[in-house]
């Protein structure tokens, strides 16, 4: 899985890419086909935005379904954490749908 970072009017902290890569690699446990995850970081210059001046957009592309989430917060890491939670929830739902739920009970197997 390839992780690509795009920034618009933003300067990232040195450790942001390491934190983001580590959290996104952990999402591989859901076995959803993703060739590439794009992380887009946007800083809004308007001072009226205040607490929501940092926006993070996550987009997964590949053979599997399109998964996208975004969040706005007061800094990059907080926005990224909220976006990852939403992203993880979507991946979990896709993973649960793909499971084979065999609901036969032991009683029926013995007959």
Protein backbone atom coordinates (compact mmCIF):
# COMPACT_ATOMS: atom_id res chain seq x y z
CA UNK A 1 0.00 0.00 0.00
CA UNK A 2 1.36 3.36 -1.06
CA UNK A 3 0.74 6.47 1.08
CA UNK A 4 0.95 9.86 -0.66
CA UNK A 5 0.89 13.22 1.13
CA UNK A 6 -0.35 16.43 -0.53
CA UNK A 7 -0.21 19.80 1.21
CA UNK A 8 -1.90 23.04 0.30
CA UNK A 9 -0.64 26.18 2.00
CA UNK A 10 0.67 23.99 4.81
CA UNK A 11 3.93 23.22 6.55
CA UNK A 12 3.90 19.82 8.22
CA UNK A 13 5.58 18.93 11.47
CA UNK A 14 8.57 16.63 11.13
CA UNK A 15 6.93 13.68 12.83
CA UNK A 16 3.47 14.03 11.21
CA UNK A 17 4.31 11.79 8.25
CA UNK A 18 5.69 9.09 10.57
CA UNK A 19 2.59 9.15 12.80
CA UNK A 20 0.23 9.15 9.82
CA UNK A 21 2.05 6.33 8.03
CA UNK A 22 2.04 4.17 11.17
CA UNK A 23 -1.70 4.63 11.75
CA UNK A 24 -2.61 4.03 8.11
CA UNK A 25 -0.47 0.88 7.86
CA UNK A 26 -2.37 -0.50 10.87
CA UNK A 27 -5.60 -0.31 8.84
CA UNK A 28 -4.32 -3.17 6.68
CA UNK A 29 -5.82 -5.58 9.21
CA UNK A 30 -9.25 -5.13 7.59
CA UNK A 31 -8.17 -6.86 4.35
CA UNK A 32 -9.79 -4.25 2.10
CA UNK A 33 -8.03 -3.85 -1.24
CA UNK A 34 -6.31 -0.46 -1.26
CA UNK A 35 -3.46 0.29 -3.63
CA UNK A 36 -2.97 3.89 -2.59
CA UNK A 37 -4.05 6.20 0.23
CA UNK A 38 -3.88 9.93 -0.39
CA UNK A 39 -3.58 12.25 2.60
CA UNK A 40 -4.38 15.86 1.74
CA UNK A 41 -3.64 18.57 4.31
CA UNK A 42 -5.14 22.04 3.81
CA UNK A 43 -4.56 25.11 5.98
CA UNK A 44 -7.26 27.74 5.73
CA UNK A 45 -5.81 31.25 5.80
CA UNK A 46 -9.07 32.89 6.89
CA UNK A 47 -8.70 33.89 10.57
CA UNK A 48 -12.45 33.46 11.11
CA UNK A 49 -12.03 29.70 10.66
CA UNK A 50 -10.09 29.63 13.93
CA UNK A 51 -10.61 26.22 15.49
CA UNK A 52 -11.27 24.56 12.14
CA UNK A 53 -8.40 26.01 10.14
CA UNK A 54 -6.65 22.67 9.49
CA UNK A 55 -8.40 20.18 7.23
CA UNK A 56 -7.31 16.60 6.48
CA UNK A 57 -8.83 14.52 3.67
CA UNK A 58 -8.12 10.78 3.38
CA UNK A 59 -8.91 8.96 0.13
CA UNK A 60 -8.27 5.27 -0.59
CA UNK A 61 -7.99 4.20 -4.22
CA UNK A 62 -7.55 0.78 -5.68
CA UNK A 63 -9.37 -2.37 -6.71
CA UNK A 64 -11.61 -2.22 -3.65
CA UNK A 65 -14.34 0.33 -2.92
CA UNK A 66 -13.63 4.05 -2.77
CA UNK A 67 -13.24 5.17 0.84
CA UNK A 68 -13.04 8.86 1.74
CA UNK A 69 -13.15 10.85 4.96
CA UNK A 70 -12.33 14.36 6.03
CA UNK A 71 -12.09 16.36 9.23
CA UNK A 72 -11.34 19.93 10.30
CA UNK A 73 -9.74 20.84 13.61
CA UNK A 74 -7.34 23.27 15.29
CA UNK A 75 -4.18 21.38 14.20
CA UNK A 76 -3.10 18.70 11.73
CA UNK A 77 -2.79 15.81 14.16
CA UNK A 78 -6.23 16.36 15.74
CA UNK A 79 -7.86 16.58 12.31
CA UNK A 80 -5.98 13.48 11.17
CA UNK A 81 -7.11 11.49 14.23
CA UNK A 82 -10.78 12.29 13.59
CA UNK A 83 -10.46 11.52 9.86
CA UNK A 84 -8.77 8.17 10.63
CA UNK A 85 -11.58 7.18 13.00
CA UNK A 86 -14.15 7.80 10.28
CA UNK A 87 -11.94 6.02 7.72
CA UNK A 88 -11.52 3.02 10.04
CA UNK A 89 -15.28 2.80 10.62
CA UNK A 90 -15.90 2.65 6.87
CA UNK A 91 -13.24 -0.03 6.41
CA UNK A 92 -14.69 -2.04 9.30
CA UNK A 93 -18.16 -1.96 7.68
CA UNK A 94 -16.74 -3.12 4.35
CA UNK A 95 -14.82 -5.90 6.11
CA UNK A 96 -17.92 -7.07 8.01
CA UNK A 97 -19.98 -7.22 4.82
CA UNK A 98 -17.38 -9.39 3.14
CA UNK A 99 -17.34 -11.96 5.96
CA UNK A 100 -19.10 -15.30 5.51
CA UNK A 101 -21.48 -15.61 8.44
CA UNK A 102 -22.31 -19.29 8.75
CA UNK A 103 -25.17 -19.32 11.24
CA UNK A 104 -25.74 -23.08 11.43
CA UNK A 105 -25.97 -24.27 15.00
CA UNK A 106 -24.34 -27.39 16.40
CA UNK A 107 -27.80 -28.95 16.79
CA UNK A 108 -28.38 -28.97 13.02
CA UNK A 109 -24.92 -30.33 12.22
CA UNK A 110 -25.50 -33.52 14.24
CA UNK A 111 -28.67 -34.52 12.33
